[in-house]
Amino acid sequence: MRNIETDGGFANYDNYQMSMTFAPAAGYVITGYSISAYASGILKPAVRPPEANGSWKPGVAENRSSIYLSDGRSGLTFKEFDDITTPTLLEFGVQGLSIDRATDFHFETAISANAGFGNWWDNPDGWNPTEHRVGSYAQIAFKDPTLTIYTALAPVPEPETWAMLLAGIALVGVAKRRNKR
């Protein structure tokens, strides 16, 4: 489980990267894959206190979870999920592949939480303003990541393909036989 939290006027960030090689079993092709995980969070922006005056600036509380995946064509694709407050299944995948050999893939997940102070200024003596701060709080947890790889049987050549192959072999045999004479 990966968990980060922050309060006051700070941001916190964490990521995890992994690369691996997928190789389909003989007779199969990889058609896609997906990563899923559960995320939950807490967002508590600063609440304006009754004594705050007209210079009140609200605080901020936000979180984000991102998933980055190899697209199977030497690039990356990603999806972001913002402001998570209830347990949520996050899933993102790549489909439509036809990989028949060992191929390198890169994965990355990132989570961030940002909380900014709410504040106001007052000036009781007219010269030295006083800043008053109220903290915000943000938290996000990312757990139980699961990688799923989708495969299918490799396509079997059509009868026409076999016929052309056999015809080609026959032509090579006839040509060799002619050359011997």
N, C-alpha and C. Protein backbone atom coordinates (compact mmCIF):
# COMPACT_ATOMS: atom_id res chain seq x y z
N MET A 1 0.85 -1.17 0.00
CA MET A 1 0.00 0.00 0.00
C MET A 1 0.89 1.23 0.00
N ARG A 2 0.54 2.21 -0.79
CA ARG A 2 1.26 3.47 -0.87
C ARG A 2 0.31 4.54 -0.35
N ASN A 3 0.76 5.31 0.61
CA ASN A 3 -0.09 6.31 1.24
C ASN A 3 0.70 7.59 1.42
N ILE A 4 0.13 8.71 1.03
CA ILE A 4 0.76 10.00 1.32
C ILE A 4 -0.29 10.95 1.85
N GLU A 5 0.16 11.90 2.63
CA GLU A 5 -0.74 12.91 3.16
C GLU A 5 0.02 14.20 3.35
N THR A 6 -0.71 15.28 3.43
CA THR A 6 -0.08 16.58 3.63
C THR A 6 -1.09 17.51 4.29
N ASP A 7 -0.57 18.47 5.00
CA ASP A 7 -1.45 19.50 5.58
C ASP A 7 -0.76 20.85 5.48
N GLY A 8 -1.52 21.88 5.73
CA GLY A 8 -0.95 23.22 5.66
C GLY A 8 -0.78 23.67 4.24
N GLY A 9 0.42 24.10 3.89
CA GLY A 9 0.68 24.65 2.57
C GLY A 9 1.69 23.84 1.80
N PHE A 10 1.57 22.55 1.77
CA PHE A 10 2.59 21.70 1.16
C PHE A 10 1.98 20.73 0.16
N ALA A 11 2.82 20.24 -0.73
CA ALA A 11 2.44 19.18 -1.65
C ALA A 11 3.33 17.98 -1.37
N ASN A 12 2.81 16.81 -1.58
CA ASN A 12 3.56 15.59 -1.38
C ASN A 12 3.31 14.70 -2.60
N TYR A 13 4.34 13.98 -3.03
CA TYR A 13 4.26 13.21 -4.27
C TYR A 13 5.03 11.90 -4.09
N ASP A 14 4.52 10.83 -4.70
CA ASP A 14 5.21 9.55 -4.65
C ASP A 14 4.91 8.82 -5.96
N ASN A 15 5.91 8.12 -6.49
CA ASN A 15 5.63 7.33 -7.69
C ASN A 15 6.39 6.01 -7.63
N TYR A 16 5.95 5.11 -8.47
CA TYR A 16 6.55 3.79 -8.55
C TYR A 16 6.69 3.45 -10.03
N GLN A 17 7.88 3.05 -10.44
CA GLN A 17 8.14 2.70 -11.83
C GLN A 17 8.62 1.26 -11.93
N MET A 18 8.24 0.63 -13.02
CA MET A 18 8.66 -0.75 -13.24
C MET A 18 8.71 -1.01 -14.74
N SER A 19 9.71 -1.75 -15.16
CA SER A 19 9.80 -2.21 -16.55
C SER A 19 9.90 -3.72 -16.53
N MET A 20 9.28 -4.34 -17.50
CA MET A 20 9.36 -5.79 -17.60
C MET A 20 9.19 -6.21 -19.05
N THR A 21 9.57 -7.43 -19.33
CA THR A 21 9.44 -7.98 -20.66
C THR A 21 8.32 -9.00 -20.66
N PHE A 22 7.38 -8.85 -21.59
CA PHE A 22 6.33 -9.83 -21.79
C PHE A 22 6.72 -10.71 -22.96
N ALA A 23 6.54 -12.01 -22.82
CA ALA A 23 6.78 -12.94 -23.91
C ALA A 23 5.60 -13.90 -23.96
N PRO A 24 4.84 -13.90 -25.06
CA PRO A 24 3.70 -14.81 -25.12
C PRO A 24 4.15 -16.27 -25.25
N ALA A 25 3.34 -17.15 -24.72
CA ALA A 25 3.62 -18.59 -24.86
C ALA A 25 3.49 -18.97 -26.33
N ALA A 26 4.14 -20.06 -26.70
CA ALA A 26 4.09 -20.53 -28.09
C ALA A 26 2.64 -20.71 -28.52
N GLY A 27 2.32 -20.20 -29.70
CA GLY A 27 0.97 -20.33 -30.23
C GLY A 27 0.01 -19.25 -29.77
N TYR A 28 0.49 -18.27 -28.99
CA TYR A 28 -0.36 -17.20 -28.48
C TYR A 28 0.21 -15.83 -28.87
N VAL A 29 -0.65 -14.82 -28.83
CA VAL A 29 -0.23 -13.42 -28.99
C VAL A 29 -0.81 -12.63 -27.82
N ILE A 30 -0.11 -11.58 -27.43
CA ILE A 30 -0.62 -10.67 -26.39
C ILE A 30 -1.50 -9.65 -27.08
N THR A 31 -2.75 -9.56 -26.65
CA THR A 31 -3.70 -8.64 -27.28
C THR A 31 -3.91 -7.37 -26.47
N GLY A 32 -3.44 -7.34 -25.22
CA GLY A 32 -3.59 -6.15 -24.40
C GLY A 32 -3.23 -6.44 -22.96
N TYR A 33 -3.30 -5.41 -22.14
CA TYR A 33 -3.05 -5.57 -20.71
C TYR A 33 -3.67 -4.40 -19.98
N SER A 34 -3.83 -4.54 -18.68
CA SER A 34 -4.37 -3.46 -17.86
C SER A 34 -3.77 -3.51 -16.47
N ILE A 35 -3.79 -2.36 -15.82
CA ILE A 35 -3.38 -2.25 -14.42
C ILE A 35 -4.58 -1.69 -13.66
N SER A 36 -4.87 -2.30 -12.53
CA SER A 36 -5.96 -1.80 -11.69
C SER A 36 -5.46 -1.74 -10.25
N ALA A 37 -6.07 -0.86 -9.47
CA ALA A 37 -5.74 -0.72 -8.06
C ALA A 37 -6.88 0.04 -7.39
N TYR A 38 -6.92 -0.06 -6.09
CA TYR A 38 -7.91 0.70 -5.33
C TYR A 38 -7.26 1.96 -4.78
N ALA A 39 -7.98 3.05 -4.86
CA ALA A 39 -7.51 4.31 -4.31
C ALA A 39 -8.60 4.87 -3.40
N SER A 40 -8.18 5.53 -2.35
CA SER A 40 -9.11 6.24 -1.47
C SER A 40 -8.40 7.48 -0.97
N GLY A 41 -9.17 8.47 -0.60
CA GLY A 41 -8.54 9.70 -0.15
C GLY A 41 -9.43 10.51 0.78
N ILE A 42 -8.81 11.55 1.32
CA ILE A 42 -9.50 12.50 2.19
C ILE A 42 -9.14 13.89 1.70
N LEU A 43 -10.14 14.75 1.57
CA LEU A 43 -9.91 16.14 1.20
C LEU A 43 -10.63 17.03 2.20
N LYS A 44 -9.89 17.85 2.91
CA LYS A 44 -10.47 18.79 3.88
C LYS A 44 -9.88 20.17 3.63
N PRO A 45 -10.52 20.97 2.76
CA PRO A 45 -10.01 22.33 2.56
C PRO A 45 -10.26 23.17 3.81
N ALA A 46 -9.46 24.20 3.97
CA ALA A 46 -9.60 25.09 5.13
C ALA A 46 -11.01 25.69 5.15
N VAL A 47 -11.59 25.75 6.35
CA VAL A 47 -12.92 26.33 6.53
C VAL A 47 -12.74 27.75 7.07
N ARG A 48 -13.47 28.66 6.48
CA ARG A 48 -13.39 30.07 6.89
C ARG A 48 -13.90 30.22 8.32
N PRO A 49 -13.04 30.71 9.20
CA PRO A 49 -13.49 30.93 10.58
C PRO A 49 -14.38 32.18 10.65
N PRO A 50 -15.23 32.26 11.66
CA PRO A 50 -16.16 33.40 11.76
C PRO A 50 -15.43 34.74 11.88
N GLU A 51 -14.23 34.75 12.47
CA GLU A 51 -13.52 36.02 12.66
C GLU A 51 -12.77 36.50 11.41
N ALA A 52 -12.74 35.68 10.34
CA ALA A 52 -12.03 36.08 9.12
C ALA A 52 -12.74 37.26 8.48
N ASN A 53 -11.95 38.21 7.98
CA ASN A 53 -12.55 39.40 7.35
C ASN A 53 -12.65 39.22 5.84
N GLY A 54 -12.87 40.31 5.14
CA GLY A 54 -13.06 40.28 3.68
C GLY A 54 -11.83 39.89 2.90
N SER A 55 -10.66 39.82 3.52
CA SER A 55 -9.46 39.43 2.78
C SER A 55 -9.25 37.91 2.78
N TRP A 56 -10.25 37.16 3.20
CA TRP A 56 -10.16 35.69 3.26
C TRP A 56 -9.83 35.11 1.89
N LYS A 57 -8.82 34.25 1.85
CA LYS A 57 -8.46 33.47 0.65
C LYS A 57 -8.64 32.00 1.03
N PRO A 58 -9.51 31.29 0.33
CA PRO A 58 -9.76 29.89 0.71
C PRO A 58 -8.53 29.01 0.50
N GLY A 59 -8.46 27.97 1.29
CA GLY A 59 -7.39 26.99 1.13
C GLY A 59 -7.76 25.99 0.05
N VAL A 60 -6.84 25.10 -0.23
CA VAL A 60 -7.08 24.08 -1.25
C VAL A 60 -6.69 22.72 -0.68
N ALA A 61 -7.43 21.71 -1.10
CA ALA A 61 -7.08 20.32 -0.77
C ALA A 61 -7.40 19.50 -2.01
N GLU A 62 -6.39 18.83 -2.56
CA GLU A 62 -6.60 18.03 -3.76
C GLU A 62 -5.67 16.83 -3.75
N ASN A 63 -6.10 15.79 -4.46
CA ASN A 63 -5.25 14.62 -4.63
C ASN A 63 -5.40 14.11 -6.05
N ARG A 64 -4.43 13.31 -6.47
CA ARG A 64 -4.44 12.78 -7.84
C ARG A 64 -3.72 11.44 -7.86
N SER A 65 -4.24 10.55 -8.68
CA SER A 65 -3.57 9.29 -8.95
C SER A 65 -3.45 9.17 -10.46
N SER A 66 -2.27 8.76 -10.94
CA SER A 66 -2.02 8.64 -12.37
C SER A 66 -1.45 7.26 -12.67
N ILE A 67 -1.82 6.74 -13.82
CA ILE A 67 -1.28 5.47 -14.30
C ILE A 67 -0.72 5.71 -15.70
N TYR A 68 0.54 5.36 -15.90
CA TYR A 68 1.22 5.50 -17.20
C TYR A 68 1.58 4.11 -17.70
N LEU A 69 1.26 3.82 -18.96
CA LEU A 69 1.50 2.49 -19.54
C LEU A 69 2.16 2.61 -20.90
N SER A 70 3.00 1.62 -21.25
CA SER A 70 3.52 1.51 -22.62
C SER A 70 2.33 1.25 -23.53
N ASP A 71 2.30 1.92 -24.67
CA ASP A 71 1.18 1.73 -25.59
C ASP A 71 1.40 0.57 -26.56
N GLY A 72 2.54 -0.13 -26.44
CA GLY A 72 2.82 -1.25 -27.33
C GLY A 72 3.44 -0.82 -28.65
N ARG A 73 3.62 0.49 -28.83
CA ARG A 73 4.20 1.03 -30.06
C ARG A 73 5.31 2.02 -29.73
N SER A 74 6.09 1.75 -28.71
CA SER A 74 7.24 2.57 -28.28
C SER A 74 6.84 3.92 -27.70
N GLY A 75 5.63 4.07 -27.22
CA GLY A 75 5.19 5.31 -26.59
C GLY A 75 4.51 5.02 -25.26
N LEU A 76 4.01 6.08 -24.62
CA LEU A 76 3.29 5.94 -23.36
C LEU A 76 1.89 6.52 -23.50
N THR A 77 0.98 5.97 -22.75
CA THR A 77 -0.36 6.51 -22.63
C THR A 77 -0.66 6.61 -21.15
N PHE A 78 -1.55 7.51 -20.74
CA PHE A 78 -1.81 7.67 -19.31
C PHE A 78 -3.24 8.08 -19.06
N LYS A 79 -3.63 7.91 -17.80
CA LYS A 79 -4.94 8.34 -17.33
C LYS A 79 -4.77 8.87 -15.93
N GLU A 80 -5.45 9.98 -15.63
CA GLU A 80 -5.37 10.58 -14.29
C GLU A 80 -6.74 10.57 -13.64
N PHE A 81 -6.73 10.39 -12.34
CA PHE A 81 -7.94 10.39 -11.54
C PHE A 81 -7.76 11.46 -10.46
N ASP A 82 -8.67 12.43 -10.40
CA ASP A 82 -8.52 13.58 -9.50
C ASP A 82 -9.55 13.56 -8.38
N ASP A 83 -9.15 14.15 -7.25
CA ASP A 83 -10.04 14.42 -6.11
C ASP A 83 -10.82 13.19 -5.68
N ILE A 84 -10.08 12.17 -5.29
CA ILE A 84 -10.66 10.90 -4.86
C ILE A 84 -10.99 10.99 -3.36
N THR A 85 -12.24 10.70 -3.02
CA THR A 85 -12.63 10.74 -1.61
C THR A 85 -13.27 9.44 -1.15
N THR A 86 -13.76 8.63 -2.04
CA THR A 86 -14.34 7.35 -1.65
C THR A 86 -13.51 6.22 -2.26
N PRO A 87 -13.49 5.05 -1.66
CA PRO A 87 -12.73 3.94 -2.26
C PRO A 87 -13.19 3.71 -3.70
N THR A 88 -12.24 3.72 -4.61
CA THR A 88 -12.54 3.66 -6.04
C THR A 88 -11.59 2.68 -6.71
N LEU A 89 -12.14 1.83 -7.57
CA LEU A 89 -11.30 0.95 -8.38
C LEU A 89 -10.84 1.75 -9.59
N LEU A 90 -9.54 1.92 -9.71
CA LEU A 90 -8.96 2.62 -10.85
C LEU A 90 -8.43 1.56 -11.80
N GLU A 91 -8.81 1.64 -13.05
CA GLU A 91 -8.33 0.67 -14.03
C GLU A 91 -8.03 1.39 -15.33
N PHE A 92 -6.93 1.00 -15.94
CA PHE A 92 -6.54 1.58 -17.22
C PHE A 92 -5.77 0.54 -17.99
N GLY A 93 -6.03 0.42 -19.27
CA GLY A 93 -5.37 -0.61 -20.05
C GLY A 93 -5.14 -0.22 -21.49
N VAL A 94 -4.43 -1.08 -22.17
CA VAL A 94 -4.14 -0.94 -23.59
C VAL A 94 -4.66 -2.20 -24.27
N GLN A 95 -5.45 -2.01 -25.30
CA GLN A 95 -6.03 -3.14 -26.05
C GLN A 95 -5.63 -3.02 -27.52
N GLY A 96 -6.00 -4.01 -28.31
CA GLY A 96 -5.76 -3.97 -29.74
C GLY A 96 -4.34 -4.28 -30.16
N LEU A 97 -3.58 -4.96 -29.29
CA LEU A 97 -2.21 -5.33 -29.62
C LEU A 97 -2.20 -6.70 -30.29
N SER A 98 -1.11 -7.01 -30.94
CA SER A 98 -0.91 -8.34 -31.51
C SER A 98 0.59 -8.63 -31.41
N ILE A 99 1.04 -8.91 -30.19
CA ILE A 99 2.46 -9.09 -29.92
C ILE A 99 2.78 -10.58 -29.88
N ASP A 100 3.68 -11.01 -30.79
CA ASP A 100 4.00 -12.43 -30.88
C ASP A 100 5.43 -12.75 -30.47
N ARG A 101 6.14 -11.77 -29.90
CA ARG A 101 7.53 -11.97 -29.48
C ARG A 101 7.77 -11.24 -28.17
N ALA A 102 8.89 -11.48 -27.54
CA ALA A 102 9.23 -10.80 -26.28
C ALA A 102 9.31 -9.29 -26.53
N THR A 103 8.64 -8.51 -25.69
CA THR A 103 8.57 -7.06 -25.85
C THR A 103 8.70 -6.40 -24.49
N ASP A 104 9.47 -5.31 -24.41
CA ASP A 104 9.65 -4.56 -23.16
C ASP A 104 8.49 -3.59 -22.95
N PHE A 105 8.02 -3.52 -21.71
CA PHE A 105 6.95 -2.60 -21.33
C PHE A 105 7.37 -1.81 -20.11
N HIS A 106 6.86 -0.59 -20.00
CA HIS A 106 7.16 0.30 -18.87
C HIS A 106 5.84 0.71 -18.22
N PHE A 107 5.82 0.68 -16.90
CA PHE A 107 4.64 1.05 -16.13
C PHE A 107 5.04 2.09 -15.09
N GLU A 108 4.13 2.97 -14.77
CA GLU A 108 4.39 3.93 -13.69
C GLU A 108 3.06 4.32 -13.07
N THR A 109 3.05 4.36 -11.75
CA THR A 109 1.90 4.92 -11.04
C THR A 109 2.42 6.08 -10.21
N ALA A 110 1.62 7.09 -10.07
CA ALA A 110 2.01 8.26 -9.29
C ALA A 110 0.81 8.71 -8.48
N ILE A 111 1.08 9.14 -7.26
CA ILE A 111 0.03 9.72 -6.43
C ILE A 111 0.55 11.02 -5.85
N SER A 112 -0.34 11.97 -5.70
CA SER A 112 0.06 13.25 -5.11
C SER A 112 -1.08 13.81 -4.28
N ALA A 113 -0.70 14.54 -3.27
CA ALA A 113 -1.65 15.23 -2.41
C ALA A 113 -1.14 16.65 -2.22
N ASN A 114 -2.02 17.62 -2.30
CA ASN A 114 -1.66 19.02 -2.17
C ASN A 114 -2.65 19.70 -1.24
N ALA A 115 -2.12 20.42 -0.28
CA ALA A 115 -2.98 21.16 0.65
C ALA A 115 -2.40 22.56 0.83
N GLY A 116 -3.24 23.55 0.66
CA GLY A 116 -2.79 24.94 0.81
C GLY A 116 -3.56 25.63 1.92
N PHE A 117 -2.88 26.50 2.64
CA PHE A 117 -3.51 27.24 3.73
C PHE A 117 -4.63 28.13 3.22
N GLY A 118 -5.67 28.23 4.00
CA GLY A 118 -6.62 29.33 3.84
C GLY A 118 -6.07 30.45 4.73
N ASN A 119 -6.20 31.71 4.31
CA ASN A 119 -5.66 32.77 5.16
C ASN A 119 -6.42 34.08 5.00
N TRP A 120 -6.20 34.96 5.95
CA TRP A 120 -6.70 36.32 5.88
C TRP A 120 -5.75 37.22 6.63
N TRP A 121 -5.81 38.49 6.33
CA TRP A 121 -4.96 39.49 6.96
C TRP A 121 -5.82 40.46 7.75
N ASP A 122 -5.34 40.81 8.89
CA ASP A 122 -6.00 41.93 9.58
C ASP A 122 -4.94 42.94 9.98
N ASN A 123 -5.37 44.12 10.26
CA ASN A 123 -4.46 45.23 10.51
C ASN A 123 -4.96 46.00 11.73
N PRO A 124 -4.78 45.43 12.92
CA PRO A 124 -5.36 46.08 14.10
C PRO A 124 -4.74 47.45 14.41
N ASP A 125 -3.45 47.63 14.15
CA ASP A 125 -2.85 48.92 14.50
C ASP A 125 -2.65 49.83 13.29
N GLY A 126 -3.08 49.37 12.10
CA GLY A 126 -2.98 50.20 10.92
C GLY A 126 -1.67 50.08 10.17
N TRP A 127 -0.61 49.50 10.78
CA TRP A 127 0.68 49.46 10.11
C TRP A 127 1.19 48.05 9.84
N ASN A 128 1.15 47.21 10.79
CA ASN A 128 1.72 45.86 10.67
C ASN A 128 0.61 44.82 10.53
N PRO A 129 0.30 44.45 9.31
CA PRO A 129 -0.78 43.46 9.15
C PRO A 129 -0.35 42.11 9.71
N THR A 130 -1.30 41.35 10.19
CA THR A 130 -1.08 40.03 10.74
C THR A 130 -1.75 39.01 9.84
N GLU A 131 -0.97 37.98 9.47
CA GLU A 131 -1.55 36.92 8.66
C GLU A 131 -2.07 35.82 9.58
N HIS A 132 -3.27 35.38 9.31
CA HIS A 132 -3.87 34.26 10.04
C HIS A 132 -4.03 33.11 9.05
N ARG A 133 -3.58 31.93 9.45
CA ARG A 133 -3.65 30.76 8.57
C ARG A 133 -4.53 29.68 9.17
N VAL A 134 -5.24 29.00 8.26
CA VAL A 134 -6.04 27.83 8.63
C VAL A 134 -5.60 26.71 7.69
N GLY A 135 -5.18 25.60 8.27
CA GLY A 135 -4.65 24.50 7.48
C GLY A 135 -5.71 23.73 6.72
N SER A 136 -5.30 23.19 5.58
CA SER A 136 -6.10 22.24 4.80
C SER A 136 -5.41 20.88 4.94
N TYR A 137 -6.09 19.84 4.53
CA TYR A 137 -5.52 18.50 4.65
C TYR A 137 -5.91 17.69 3.42
N ALA A 138 -4.96 16.92 2.88
CA ALA A 138 -5.24 16.03 1.75
C ALA A 138 -4.48 14.72 1.97
N GLN A 139 -5.10 13.62 1.59
CA GLN A 139 -4.49 12.30 1.75
C GLN A 139 -4.97 11.43 0.60
N ILE A 140 -4.11 10.50 0.17
CA ILE A 140 -4.50 9.51 -0.83
C ILE A 140 -3.75 8.22 -0.55
N ALA A 141 -4.43 7.11 -0.73
CA ALA A 141 -3.83 5.78 -0.56
C ALA A 141 -4.09 4.99 -1.83
N PHE A 142 -3.10 4.21 -2.25
CA PHE A 142 -3.15 3.42 -3.47
C PHE A 142 -2.76 2.01 -3.07
N LYS A 143 -3.64 1.03 -3.23
CA LYS A 143 -3.31 -0.32 -2.75
C LYS A 143 -3.80 -1.39 -3.71
N ASP A 144 -3.24 -2.57 -3.52
CA ASP A 144 -3.59 -3.78 -4.27
C ASP A 144 -3.49 -3.61 -5.78
N PRO A 145 -2.35 -3.15 -6.31
CA PRO A 145 -2.24 -3.06 -7.76
C PRO A 145 -2.22 -4.45 -8.39
N THR A 146 -2.88 -4.58 -9.52
CA THR A 146 -2.98 -5.85 -10.23
C THR A 146 -2.69 -5.63 -11.71
N LEU A 147 -1.81 -6.45 -12.26
CA LEU A 147 -1.51 -6.42 -13.68
C LEU A 147 -2.21 -7.60 -14.34
N THR A 148 -2.98 -7.34 -15.38
CA THR A 148 -3.67 -8.39 -16.12
C THR A 148 -3.20 -8.35 -17.56
N ILE A 149 -2.80 -9.50 -18.10
CA ILE A 149 -2.34 -9.61 -19.48
C ILE A 149 -3.37 -10.43 -20.26
N TYR A 150 -3.82 -9.89 -21.39
CA TYR A 150 -4.82 -10.56 -22.22
C TYR A 150 -4.10 -11.22 -23.40
N THR A 151 -4.42 -12.49 -23.63
CA THR A 151 -3.81 -13.23 -24.73
C THR A 151 -4.89 -13.89 -25.58
N ALA A 152 -4.49 -14.30 -26.76
CA ALA A 152 -5.38 -15.05 -27.65
C ALA A 152 -4.51 -16.03 -28.44
N LEU A 153 -5.15 -17.05 -28.98
CA LEU A 153 -4.43 -17.98 -29.83
C LEU A 153 -3.90 -17.22 -31.04
N ALA A 154 -2.68 -17.56 -31.43
CA ALA A 154 -2.10 -16.93 -32.62
C ALA A 154 -2.95 -17.30 -33.82
N PRO A 155 -3.09 -16.38 -34.76
CA PRO A 155 -3.90 -16.69 -35.94
C PRO A 155 -3.32 -17.88 -36.72
N VAL A 156 -4.20 -18.74 -37.19
CA VAL A 156 -3.80 -19.88 -38.01
C VAL A 156 -3.90 -19.44 -39.47
N PRO A 157 -2.87 -19.74 -40.28
CA PRO A 157 -2.94 -19.32 -41.69
C PRO A 157 -4.17 -19.89 -42.38
N GLU A 158 -4.74 -19.12 -43.30
CA GLU A 158 -5.90 -19.53 -44.07
C GLU A 158 -5.48 -20.63 -45.07
N PRO A 159 -6.41 -21.44 -45.55
CA PRO A 159 -6.07 -22.48 -46.52
C PRO A 159 -5.38 -21.93 -47.77
N GLU A 160 -5.78 -20.71 -48.19
CA GLU A 160 -5.15 -20.10 -49.37
C GLU A 160 -3.66 -19.87 -49.13
N THR A 161 -3.31 -19.50 -47.90
CA THR A 161 -1.91 -19.26 -47.55
C THR A 161 -1.13 -20.56 -47.66
N TRP A 162 -1.70 -21.64 -47.12
CA TRP A 162 -1.04 -22.95 -47.22
C TRP A 162 -0.89 -23.36 -48.68
N ALA A 163 -1.91 -23.13 -49.49
CA ALA A 163 -1.86 -23.49 -50.92
C ALA A 163 -0.75 -22.72 -51.63
N MET A 164 -0.63 -21.42 -51.32
CA MET A 164 0.43 -20.64 -51.96
C MET A 164 1.81 -21.12 -51.50
N LEU A 165 1.95 -21.49 -50.22
CA LEU A 165 3.21 -21.99 -49.71
C LEU A 165 3.60 -23.29 -50.43
N LEU A 166 2.66 -24.20 -50.53
CA LEU A 166 2.93 -25.47 -51.21
C LEU A 166 3.24 -25.26 -52.69
N ALA A 167 2.52 -24.36 -53.34
CA ALA A 167 2.77 -24.06 -54.75
C ALA A 167 4.17 -23.48 -54.91
N GLY A 168 4.60 -22.60 -53.99
CA GLY A 168 5.94 -22.03 -54.05
C GLY A 168 7.00 -23.09 -53.88
N ILE A 169 6.80 -24.01 -52.96
CA ILE A 169 7.77 -25.10 -52.75
C ILE A 169 7.83 -25.98 -54.00
N ALA A 170 6.66 -26.25 -54.60
CA ALA A 170 6.63 -27.07 -55.83
C ALA A 170 7.39 -26.37 -56.95
N LEU A 171 7.22 -25.05 -57.09
CA LEU A 171 7.94 -24.32 -58.14
C LEU A 171 9.45 -24.36 -57.90
N VAL A 172 9.87 -24.24 -56.66
CA VAL A 172 11.30 -24.33 -56.35
C VAL A 172 11.81 -25.71 -56.71
N GLY A 173 11.05 -26.76 -56.42
CA GLY A 173 11.45 -28.13 -56.75
C GLY A 173 11.55 -28.32 -58.25
N VAL A 174 10.59 -27.78 -59.00
CA VAL A 174 10.62 -27.90 -60.46
C VAL A 174 11.82 -27.15 -61.01
N ALA A 175 12.10 -25.97 -60.50
CA ALA A 175 13.23 -25.18 -60.98
C ALA A 175 14.55 -25.91 -60.69
N LYS A 176 14.69 -26.52 -59.52
CA LYS A 176 15.91 -27.26 -59.20
C LYS A 176 16.06 -28.47 -60.11
N ARG A 177 14.95 -29.13 -60.39
CA ARG A 177 14.99 -30.32 -61.24
C ARG A 177 15.41 -29.93 -62.66
N ARG A 178 14.93 -28.80 -63.13
CA ARG A 178 15.31 -28.32 -64.46
C ARG A 178 16.79 -27.99 -64.52
N ASN A 179 17.29 -27.38 -63.40
CA ASN A 179 18.70 -26.99 -63.38
C ASN A 179 19.62 -28.21 -63.39
N LYS A 180 19.18 -29.35 -62.86
CA LYS A 180 20.00 -30.56 -62.83
C LYS A 180 20.16 -31.12 -64.25
N ARG A 181 19.18 -30.93 -65.10
CA ARG A 181 19.25 -31.47 -66.45
C ARG A 181 20.18 -30.63 -67.21
